[in-house]
C-alpha atoms as a PDB file:
ATOM      1  CA  UNK A   1     -18.464  10.922  -6.112  1.00  0.00           C
ATOM      2  CA  UNK A   2     -17.787  14.676  -5.712  1.00  0.00           C
ATOM      3  CA  UNK A   3     -20.936  16.943  -5.910  1.00  0.00           C
ATOM      4  CA  UNK A   4     -19.811  20.231  -6.434  1.00  0.00           C
ATOM      5  CA  UNK A   5     -21.643  23.072  -4.382  1.00  0.00           C
ATOM      6  CA  UNK A   6     -21.798  25.128  -7.784  1.00  0.00           C
ATOM      7  CA  UNK A   7     -24.226  22.419  -9.114  1.00  0.00           C
ATOM      8  CA  UNK A   8     -26.713  22.440  -6.365  1.00  0.00           C
ATOM      9  CA  UNK A   9     -26.722  26.601  -6.481  1.00  0.00           C
ATOM     10  CA  UNK A  10     -27.151  26.647  -9.971  1.00  0.00           C
ATOM     11  CA  UNK A  11     -30.617  24.803  -9.338  1.00  0.00           C
ATOM     12  CA  UNK A  12     -31.403  27.633  -7.375  1.00  0.00           C
ATOM     13  CA  UNK A  13     -31.206  29.861 -10.357  1.00  0.00           C
ATOM     14  CA  UNK A  14     -32.834  28.338 -13.161  1.00  0.00           C
ATOM     15  CA  UNK A  15     -36.750  27.454 -13.411  1.00  0.00           C
ATOM     16  CA  UNK A  16     -39.931  29.219 -14.441  1.00  0.00           C
ATOM     17  CA  UNK A  17     -42.692  31.520 -15.596  1.00  0.00           C
ATOM     18  CA  UNK A  18     -45.511  33.964 -16.628  1.00  0.00           C
ATOM     19  CA  UNK A  19     -48.840  34.539 -16.974  1.00  0.00           C
ATOM     20  CA  UNK A  20     -51.426  37.358 -18.911  1.00  0.00           C
ATOM     21  CA  UNK A  21     -48.914  38.050 -21.683  1.00  0.00           C
ATOM     22  CA  UNK A  22     -49.864  39.508 -24.886  1.00  0.00           C
ATOM     23  CA  UNK A  23     -49.940  37.675 -28.147  1.00  0.00           C
ATOM     24  CA  UNK A  24     -48.531  38.661 -31.342  1.00  0.00           C
ATOM     25  CA  UNK A  25     -48.110  37.500 -34.929  1.00  0.00           C
ATOM     26  CA  UNK A  26     -45.152  37.414 -36.879  1.00  0.00           C
ATOM     27  CA  UNK A  27     -45.871  40.480 -38.467  1.00  0.00           C
ATOM     28  CA  UNK A  28     -46.069  42.507 -35.630  1.00  0.00           C
ATOM     29  CA  UNK A  29     -43.150  44.108 -34.158  1.00  0.00           C
ATOM     30  CA  UNK A  30     -43.723  45.932 -30.900  1.00  0.00           C
ATOM     31  CA  UNK A  31     -41.522  48.887 -29.596  1.00  0.00           C
ATOM     32  CA  UNK A  32     -38.802  48.622 -27.037  1.00  0.00           C
ATOM     33  CA  UNK A  33     -41.310  49.813 -24.666  1.00  0.00           C
ATOM     34  CA  UNK A  34     -43.818  47.332 -25.518  1.00  0.00           C
ATOM     35  CA  UNK A  35     -41.222  44.472 -25.053  1.00  0.00           C
ATOM     36  CA  UNK A  36     -40.205  45.943 -22.086  1.00  0.00           C
ATOM     37  CA  UNK A  37     -43.494  46.142 -20.049  1.00  0.00           C
ATOM     38  CA  UNK A  38     -45.326  42.906 -21.629  1.00  0.00           C
ATOM     39  CA  UNK A  39     -41.743  40.901 -20.030  1.00  0.00           C
ATOM     40  CA  UNK A  40     -42.222  42.805 -16.837  1.00  0.00           C
ATOM     41  CA  UNK A  41     -46.382  42.262 -16.682  1.00  0.00           C
ATOM     42  CA  UNK A  42     -45.634  38.493 -16.961  1.00  0.00           C
ATOM     43  CA  UNK A  43     -44.132  38.192 -13.623  1.00  0.00           C
ATOM     44  CA  UNK A  44     -46.133  35.390 -11.921  1.00  0.00           C
ATOM     45  CA  UNK A  45     -48.453  35.851  -9.453  1.00  0.00           C
ATOM     46  CA  UNK A  46     -48.670  33.184  -6.511  1.00  0.00           C
ATOM     47  CA  UNK A  47     -47.860  32.554  -2.870  1.00  0.00           C
ATOM     48  CA  UNK A  48     -46.184  29.202  -2.584  1.00  0.00           C
ATOM     49  CA  UNK A  49     -44.698  26.668  -4.951  1.00  0.00           C
ATOM     50  CA  UNK A  50     -43.797  23.118  -4.737  1.00  0.00           C
ATOM     51  CA  UNK A  51     -41.961  21.253  -7.641  1.00  0.00           C
ATOM     52  CA  UNK A  52     -40.077  18.149  -8.168  1.00  0.00           C
ATOM     53  CA  UNK A  53     -37.507  18.487 -10.768  1.00  0.00           C
ATOM     54  CA  UNK A  54     -35.325  15.586 -12.853  1.00  0.00           C
ATOM     55  CA  UNK A  55     -31.664  17.137 -13.100  1.00  0.00           C
ATOM     56  CA  UNK A  56     -29.148  15.405 -15.445  1.00  0.00           C
ATOM     57  CA  UNK A  57     -25.752  16.930 -14.773  1.00  0.00           C
ATOM     58  CA  UNK A  58     -22.910  16.692 -16.847  1.00  0.00           C
ATOM     59  CA  UNK A  59     -18.837  17.511 -16.868  1.00  0.00           C
ATOM     60  CA  UNK A  60     -16.027  16.721 -18.661  1.00  0.00           C
ATOM     61  CA  UNK A  61     -15.553  13.828 -16.027  1.00  0.00           C
ATOM     62  CA  UNK A  62     -18.979  12.453 -15.383  1.00  0.00           C
ATOM     63  CA  UNK A  63     -22.741  12.299 -16.314  1.00  0.00           C
ATOM     64  CA  UNK A  64     -25.086  12.100 -13.532  1.00  0.00           C
ATOM     65  CA  UNK A  65     -28.896  12.061 -12.341  1.00  0.00           C
ATOM     66  CA  UNK A  66     -30.494  13.691  -9.446  1.00  0.00           C
ATOM     67  CA  UNK A  67     -33.884  14.841  -8.325  1.00  0.00           C
ATOM     68  CA  UNK A  68     -34.458  17.740  -6.601  1.00  0.00           C
ATOM     69  CA  UNK A  69     -37.325  19.491  -4.753  1.00  0.00           C
ATOM     70  CA  UNK A  70     -38.116  22.850  -4.802  1.00  0.00           C
ATOM     71  CA  UNK A  71     -40.459  25.065  -2.677  1.00  0.00           C
ATOM     72  CA  UNK A  72     -41.009  28.717  -2.642  1.00  0.00           C
ATOM     73  CA  UNK A  73     -42.583  31.594  -1.058  1.00  0.00           C
ATOM     74  CA  UNK A  74     -42.192  34.118  -3.186  1.00  0.00           C
ATOM     75  CA  UNK A  75     -40.276  37.136  -2.106  1.00  0.00           C
ATOM     76  CA  UNK A  76     -39.629  35.597   1.355  1.00  0.00           C
ATOM     77  CA  UNK A  77     -37.620  32.072   0.759  1.00  0.00           C
ATOM     78  CA  UNK A  78     -36.592  29.666  -1.787  1.00  0.00           C
ATOM     79  CA  UNK A  79     -35.580  26.061  -0.359  1.00  0.00           C
ATOM     80  CA  UNK A  80     -33.883  22.967  -2.501  1.00  0.00           C
ATOM     81  CA  UNK A  81     -33.447  19.548  -1.580  1.00  0.00           C
ATOM     82  CA  UNK A  82     -30.961  17.726  -3.838  1.00  0.00           C
ATOM     83  CA  UNK A  83     -31.149  13.733  -3.298  1.00  0.00           C
ATOM     84  CA  UNK A  84     -30.795  10.281  -5.108  1.00  0.00           C
ATOM     85  CA  UNK A  85     -32.483   7.266  -4.257  1.00  0.00           C
ATOM     86  CA  UNK A  86     -34.412   9.191  -1.559  1.00  0.00           C
ATOM     87  CA  UNK A  87     -30.937   9.748   0.090  1.00  0.00           C
ATOM     88  CA  UNK A  88     -30.383  13.654   0.608  1.00  0.00           C
ATOM     89  CA  UNK A  89     -26.994  14.872  -0.738  1.00  0.00           C
ATOM     90  CA  UNK A  90     -27.604  18.824  -0.017  1.00  0.00           C
ATOM     91  CA  UNK A  91     -29.866  21.167   0.924  1.00  0.00           C
ATOM     92  CA  UNK A  92     -29.912  25.337   0.201  1.00  0.00           C
ATOM     93  CA  UNK A  93     -32.065  27.817   1.939  1.00  0.00           C
ATOM     94  CA  UNK A  94     -32.096  31.169   0.862  1.00  0.00           C
ATOM     95  CA  UNK A  95     -33.980  34.295   2.709  1.00  0.00           C
ATOM     96  CA  UNK A  96     -33.634  38.035   1.262  1.00  0.00           C
ATOM     97  CA  UNK A  97     -30.651  38.411   3.650  1.00  0.00           C
ATOM     98  CA  UNK A  98     -28.855  34.792   3.598  1.00  0.00           C
ATOM     99  CA  UNK A  99     -27.992  31.949   2.125  1.00  0.00           C
ATOM    100  CA  UNK A 100     -27.456  28.551   4.020  1.00  0.00           C
ATOM    101  CA  UNK A 101     -26.045  25.478   2.275  1.00  0.00           C
ATOM    102  CA  UNK A 102     -25.093  21.834   3.204  1.00  0.00           C
ATOM    103  CA  UNK A 103     -23.590  18.618   1.235  1.00  0.00           C
ATOM    104  CA  UNK A 104     -23.305  15.620   2.869  1.00  0.00           C
ATOM    105  CA  UNK A 105     -20.859  13.958   0.572  1.00  0.00           C
ATOM    106  CA  UNK A 106     -18.437  16.023   1.548  1.00  0.00           C
ATOM    107  CA  UNK A 107     -19.643  16.790   5.045  1.00  0.00           C
ATOM    108  CA  UNK A 108     -19.684  20.665   4.277  1.00  0.00           C
ATOM    109  CA  UNK A 109     -22.049  23.416   4.954  1.00  0.00           C
ATOM    110  CA  UNK A 110     -22.096  27.426   4.582  1.00  0.00           C
ATOM    111  CA  UNK A 111     -23.956  29.986   6.511  1.00  0.00           C
ATOM    112  CA  UNK A 112     -24.055  33.860   5.466  1.00  0.00           C
ATOM    113  CA  UNK A 113     -24.442  36.632   3.117  1.00  0.00           C
ATOM    114  CA  UNK A 114     -24.464  35.905  -1.039  1.00  0.00           C
ATOM    115  CA  UNK A 115     -21.076  36.401  -1.079  1.00  0.00           C
ATOM    116  CA  UNK A 116     -19.982  33.063  -1.689  1.00  0.00           C
ATOM    117  CA  UNK A 117     -22.598  32.249  -3.555  1.00  0.00           C
ATOM    118  CA  UNK A 118     -21.825  35.209  -6.429  1.00  0.00           C
ATOM    119  CA  UNK A 119     -18.307  33.739  -5.981  1.00  0.00           C
ATOM    120  CA  UNK A 120     -19.409  30.557  -7.531  1.00  0.00           C
ATOM    121  CA  UNK A 121     -21.462  31.977 -10.005  1.00  0.00           C
ATOM    122  CA  UNK A 122     -18.994  34.817 -11.403  1.00  0.00           C
ATOM    123  CA  UNK A 123     -21.461  37.565 -10.912  1.00  0.00           C
ATOM    124  CA  UNK A 124     -22.873  39.721  -8.342  1.00  0.00           C
ATOM    125  CA  UNK A 125     -26.131  37.510  -7.133  1.00  0.00           C
ATOM    126  CA  UNK A 126     -28.742  38.398  -4.127  1.00  0.00           C
ATOM    127  CA  UNK A 127     -32.405  37.097  -3.435  1.00  0.00           C
ATOM    128  CA  UNK A 128     -34.341  38.885  -6.035  1.00  0.00           C
ATOM    129  CA  UNK A 129     -31.918  37.983  -8.783  1.00  0.00           C
ATOM    130  CA  UNK A 130     -32.030  34.267  -7.715  1.00  0.00           C
ATOM    131  CA  UNK A 131     -36.297  34.528  -7.785  1.00  0.00           C
ATOM    132  CA  UNK A 132     -36.210  36.335 -11.233  1.00  0.00           C
ATOM    133  CA  UNK A 133     -34.398  33.376 -12.599  1.00  0.00           C
ATOM    134  CA  UNK A 134     -36.505  31.025 -11.008  1.00  0.00           C
ATOM    135  CA  UNK A 135     -39.422  32.968 -12.155  1.00  0.00           C
ATOM    136  CA  UNK A 136     -38.534  32.975 -15.696  1.00  0.00           C
ATOM    137  CA  UNK A 137     -37.641  37.050 -15.411  1.00  0.00           C
ATOM    138  CA  UNK A 138     -34.566  39.011 -16.375  1.00  0.00           C
ATOM    139  CA  UNK A 139     -32.234  39.394 -13.667  1.00  0.00           C
ATOM    140  CA  UNK A 140     -31.414  42.881 -14.581  1.00  0.00           C
ATOM    141  CA  UNK A 141     -33.543  45.959 -14.383  1.00  0.00           C
ATOM    142  CA  UNK A 142     -35.473  46.416 -17.935  1.00  0.00           C
ATOM    143  CA  UNK A 143     -35.748  49.916 -19.300  1.00  0.00           C
ATOM    144  CA  UNK A 144     -37.008  51.277 -22.521  1.00  0.00           C
ATOM    145  CA  UNK A 145     -34.121  53.814 -21.898  1.00  0.00           C
ATOM    146  CA  UNK A 146     -31.584  51.524 -21.240  1.00  0.00           C
ATOM    147  CA  UNK A 147     -32.170  48.922 -24.000  1.00  0.00           C
ATOM    148  CA  UNK A 148     -32.528  48.158 -27.435  1.00  0.00           C
ATOM    149  CA  UNK A 149     -34.756  45.685 -29.000  1.00  0.00           C
ATOM    150  CA  UNK A 150     -34.949  44.005 -32.181  1.00  0.00           C
ATOM    151  CA  UNK A 151     -36.650  41.044 -34.036  1.00  0.00           C
ATOM    152  CA  UNK A 152     -34.618  37.996 -34.735  1.00  0.00           C
ATOM    153  CA  UNK A 153     -35.585  34.963 -35.949  1.00  0.00           C
ATOM    154  CA  UNK A 154     -39.499  35.312 -34.845  1.00  0.00           C
ATOM    155  CA  UNK A 155     -37.947  36.343 -31.158  1.00  0.00           C
ATOM    156  CA  UNK A 156     -37.263  39.506 -29.725  1.00  0.00           C
ATOM    157  CA  UNK A 157     -33.967  40.310 -28.446  1.00  0.00           C
ATOM    158  CA  UNK A 158     -32.774  42.908 -25.702  1.00  0.00           C
ATOM    159  CA  UNK A 159     -29.336  44.194 -25.780  1.00  0.00           C
ATOM    160  CA  UNK A 160     -28.196  46.869 -23.198  1.00  0.00           C
ATOM    161  CA  UNK A 161     -27.241  50.285 -24.890  1.00  0.00           C
ATOM    162  CA  UNK A 162     -24.372  50.364 -23.120  1.00  0.00           C
ATOM    163  CA  UNK A 163     -22.949  47.200 -21.965  1.00  0.00           C
ATOM    164  CA  UNK A 164     -20.876  46.876 -18.774  1.00  0.00           C
ATOM    165  CA  UNK A 165     -17.239  46.593 -18.777  1.00  0.00           C
ATOM    166  CA  UNK A 166     -16.154  42.826 -19.040  1.00  0.00           C
ATOM    167  CA  UNK A 167     -19.792  41.683 -18.913  1.00  0.00           C
ATOM    168  CA  UNK A 168     -21.677  41.072 -21.638  1.00  0.00           C
ATOM    169  CA  UNK A 169     -25.660  40.456 -21.475  1.00  0.00           C
ATOM    170  CA  UNK A 170     -28.363  39.663 -23.988  1.00  0.00           C
ATOM    171  CA  UNK A 171     -31.576  38.172 -23.620  1.00  0.00           C
ATOM    172  CA  UNK A 172     -34.118  36.479 -26.106  1.00  0.00           C
ATOM    173  CA  UNK A 173     -38.072  36.431 -25.154  1.00  0.00           C
ATOM    174  CA  UNK A 174     -40.580  34.266 -26.635  1.00  0.00           C
ATOM    175  CA  UNK A 175     -42.843  36.608 -29.363  1.00  0.00           C
ATOM    176  CA  UNK A 176     -46.191  34.995 -27.638  1.00  0.00           C
ATOM    177  CA  UNK A 177     -45.539  35.206 -23.826  1.00  0.00           C
ATOM    178  CA  UNK A 178     -42.336  37.189 -23.712  1.00  0.00           C
ATOM    179  CA  UNK A 179     -40.860  34.748 -21.376  1.00  0.00           C
ATOM    180  CA  UNK A 180     -37.340  34.067 -21.840  1.00  0.00           C
ATOM    181  CA  UNK A 181     -36.189  31.751 -24.715  1.00  0.00           C
ATOM    182  CA  UNK A 182     -32.669  32.206 -24.085  1.00  0.00           C
ATOM    183  CA  UNK A 183     -30.078  34.334 -21.307  1.00  0.00           C
ATOM    184  CA  UNK A 184     -26.492  34.437 -22.173  1.00  0.00           C
ATOM    185  CA  UNK A 185     -24.110  36.233 -19.315  1.00  0.00           C
ATOM    186  CA  UNK A 186     -20.285  36.435 -20.609  1.00  0.00           C
ATOM    187  CA  UNK A 187     -16.961  37.564 -18.834  1.00  0.00           C
ATOM    188  CA  UNK A 188     -14.695  37.691 -21.576  1.00  0.00           C
ATOM    189  CA  UNK A 189     -11.226  38.581 -19.555  1.00  0.00           C
ATOM    190  CA  UNK A 190     -12.479  35.245 -17.531  1.00  0.00           C
ATOM    191  CA  UNK A 191     -13.202  33.490 -20.258  1.00  0.00           C
ATOM    192  CA  UNK A 192     -16.820  32.654 -18.863  1.00  0.00           C
ATOM    193  CA  UNK A 193     -19.860  32.040 -20.546  1.00  0.00           C
ATOM    194  CA  UNK A 194     -23.345  31.012 -19.050  1.00  0.00           C
ATOM    195  CA  UNK A 195     -26.231  30.364 -21.254  1.00  0.00           C
ATOM    196  CA  UNK A 196     -29.570  29.148 -20.047  1.00  0.00           C
ATOM    197  CA  UNK A 197     -32.165  28.039 -22.593  1.00  0.00           C
ATOM    198  CA  UNK A 198     -35.796  27.475 -22.114  1.00  0.00           C
ATOM    199  CA  UNK A 199     -38.000  25.099 -23.600  1.00  0.00           C
ATOM    200  CA  UNK A 200     -42.045  25.198 -23.920  1.00  0.00           C
ATOM    201  CA  UNK A 201     -43.824  26.437 -21.268  1.00  0.00           C
ATOM    202  CA  UNK A 202     -46.676  24.876 -19.251  1.00  0.00           C
ATOM    203  CA  UNK A 203     -49.712  27.027 -18.482  1.00  0.00           C
ATOM    204  CA  UNK A 204     -50.621  26.556 -14.910  1.00  0.00           C
ATOM    205  CA  UNK A 205     -53.657  28.714 -13.189  1.00  0.00           C
ATOM    206  CA  UNK A 206     -52.397  31.693 -15.567  1.00  0.00           C
ATOM    207  CA  UNK A 207     -49.037  30.896 -15.052  1.00  0.00           C
ATOM    208  CA  UNK A 208     -46.335  29.470 -17.746  1.00  0.00           C
ATOM    209  CA  UNK A 209     -43.670  27.266 -16.137  1.00  0.00           C
ATOM    210  CA  UNK A 210     -41.073  25.517 -18.336  1.00  0.00           C
ATOM    211  CA  UNK A 211     -41.106  21.706 -19.048  1.00  0.00           C
ATOM    212  CA  UNK A 212     -37.278  21.781 -19.829  1.00  0.00           C
ATOM    213  CA  UNK A 213     -34.483  24.104 -19.182  1.00  0.00           C
ATOM    214  CA  UNK A 214     -30.866  23.748 -20.453  1.00  0.00           C
ATOM    215  CA  UNK A 215     -28.037  25.542 -18.687  1.00  0.00           C
ATOM    216  CA  UNK A 216     -24.248  25.248 -20.278  1.00  0.00           C
ATOM    217  CA  UNK A 217     -21.489  27.003 -18.375  1.00  0.00           C
ATOM    218  CA  UNK A 218     -17.947  27.072 -20.285  1.00  0.00           C
ATOM    219  CA  UNK A 219     -14.773  28.379 -18.102  1.00  0.00           C
ATOM    220  CA  UNK A 220     -11.705  28.927 -20.308  1.00  0.00           C
ATOM    221  CA  UNK A 221      -8.547  26.673 -19.775  1.00  0.00           C
ATOM    222  CA  UNK A 222      -6.123  28.013 -17.123  1.00  0.00           C
ATOM    223  CA  UNK A 223      -3.128  27.771 -19.258  1.00  0.00           C
ATOM    224  CA  UNK A 224      -2.684  26.888 -23.098  1.00  0.00           C
ATOM    225  CA  UNK A 225      -1.584  23.131 -21.751  1.00  0.00           C
ATOM    226  CA  UNK A 226      -5.403  23.034 -20.241  1.00  0.00           C
ATOM    227  CA  UNK A 227      -8.771  22.532 -21.856  1.00  0.00           C
ATOM    228  CA  UNK A 228     -11.604  24.523 -21.264  1.00  0.00           C
ATOM    229  CA  UNK A 229     -14.156  23.693 -18.297  1.00  0.00           C
ATOM    230  CA  UNK A 230     -17.787  22.631 -19.901  1.00  0.00           C
ATOM    231  CA  UNK A 231     -20.737  21.394 -17.598  1.00  0.00           C
ATOM    232  CA  UNK A 232     -24.228  21.174 -18.797  1.00  0.00           C
ATOM    233  CA  UNK A 233     -27.500  20.585 -16.857  1.00  0.00           C
ATOM    234  CA  UNK A 234     -30.656  19.935 -18.097  1.00  0.00           C
ATOM    235  CA  UNK A 235     -33.842  20.079 -15.749  1.00  0.00           C
ATOM    236  CA  UNK A 236     -37.259  18.343 -16.583  1.00  0.00           C
ATOM    237  CA  UNK A 237     -40.181  19.742 -14.440  1.00  0.00           C
ATOM    238  CA  UNK A 238     -42.112  16.533 -13.303  1.00  0.00           C
ATOM    239  CA  UNK A 239     -44.851  18.365 -10.991  1.00  0.00           C
ATOM    240  CA  UNK A 240     -45.568  21.743 -10.051  1.00  0.00           C
ATOM    241  CA  UNK A 241     -48.103  22.219  -7.421  1.00  0.00           C
ATOM    242  CA  UNK A 242     -49.067  25.827  -6.499  1.00  0.00           C
ATOM    243  CA  UNK A 243     -50.962  27.423  -3.448  1.00  0.00           C
ATOM    244  CA  UNK A 244     -50.055  24.353  -1.761  1.00  0.00           C
ATOM    245  CA  UNK A 245     -48.710  24.352   2.344  1.00  0.00           C
ATOM    246  CA  UNK A 246     -44.834  24.540   2.537  1.00  0.00           C
ATOM    247  CA  UNK A 247     -42.174  24.155   4.932  1.00  0.00           C
ATOM    248  CA  UNK A 248     -38.705  24.679   4.709  1.00  0.00           C
ATOM    249  CA  UNK A 249     -36.945  22.690   6.936  1.00  0.00           C
ATOM    250  CA  UNK A 250     -33.237  22.865   7.300  1.00  0.00           C
ATOM    251  CA  UNK A 251     -30.744  21.825  10.240  1.00  0.00           C
ATOM    252  CA  UNK A 252     -26.880  21.546   9.330  1.00  0.00           C
ATOM    253  CA  UNK A 253     -25.835  18.044  10.626  1.00  0.00           C
ATOM    254  CA  UNK A 254     -23.000  18.118  13.476  1.00  0.00           C
ATOM    255  CA  UNK A 255     -19.860  17.398  12.705  1.00  0.00           C
ATOM    256  CA  UNK A 256     -20.044  19.329   9.041  1.00  0.00           C
ATOM    257  CA  UNK A 257     -16.882  21.691   8.116  1.00  0.00           C
ATOM    258  CA  UNK A 258     -17.454  24.959   7.719  1.00  0.00           C
ATOM    259  CA  UNK A 259     -16.624  26.476   4.408  1.00  0.00           C
ATOM    260  CA  UNK A 260     -14.905  30.102   4.867  1.00  0.00           C
ATOM    261  CA  UNK A 261     -14.354  32.689   2.300  1.00  0.00           C
ATOM    262  CA  UNK A 262     -10.963  33.554   1.828  1.00  0.00           C
END
């Protein structure tokens, strides 16, 4: 069984949350300024978080299920352990200036900056962006002057007024919570698309956390004779605890081979 590093690192970038947001009716359409401010205000307020997540991974050759433990200390640390039947498959530790990772199937590890993570995901990633996605916040700096909003099938759609070259971004927000309903990033030149869809949110201490997240990545074929690569990841949150004492144990086992950037 081959466990791709991208699989576990995607787990770093998907999850949850919100709190204290304004509710609107179907006929009340807010301005871009109000939509952006409501989304920014929805960022959850907490110190620590611990969660267990059931993850189903599917690509063109296999389907497999694992259990992942997620721990966070807001603005400081993100920690993930992936396991099957109690056996640790991988651990990831992210701080504002460092990414550490190891995988027991391939006996490999990585320690360094966010370059490797950015390469695997096909876009620049730092700690803040990783945390923003884990908290259901936009990974881009939203502003009323830089974005337009529209009302699409009962949700607010935000688009940059000027899309970056070869990087197209769109965001759908639930109208009653201003949390992310779906987020899409595409790089047409490379044939890459990442779509993240959030299901219903659960309310914990005034913050909304997702019950289910669906992630899909598509990468175009390298040649006409090949097929495009599609990966699906479904996450179901079994338990979320806030204000808990958390630790972040991380020690790379001896004998593991370091992953080096080319």
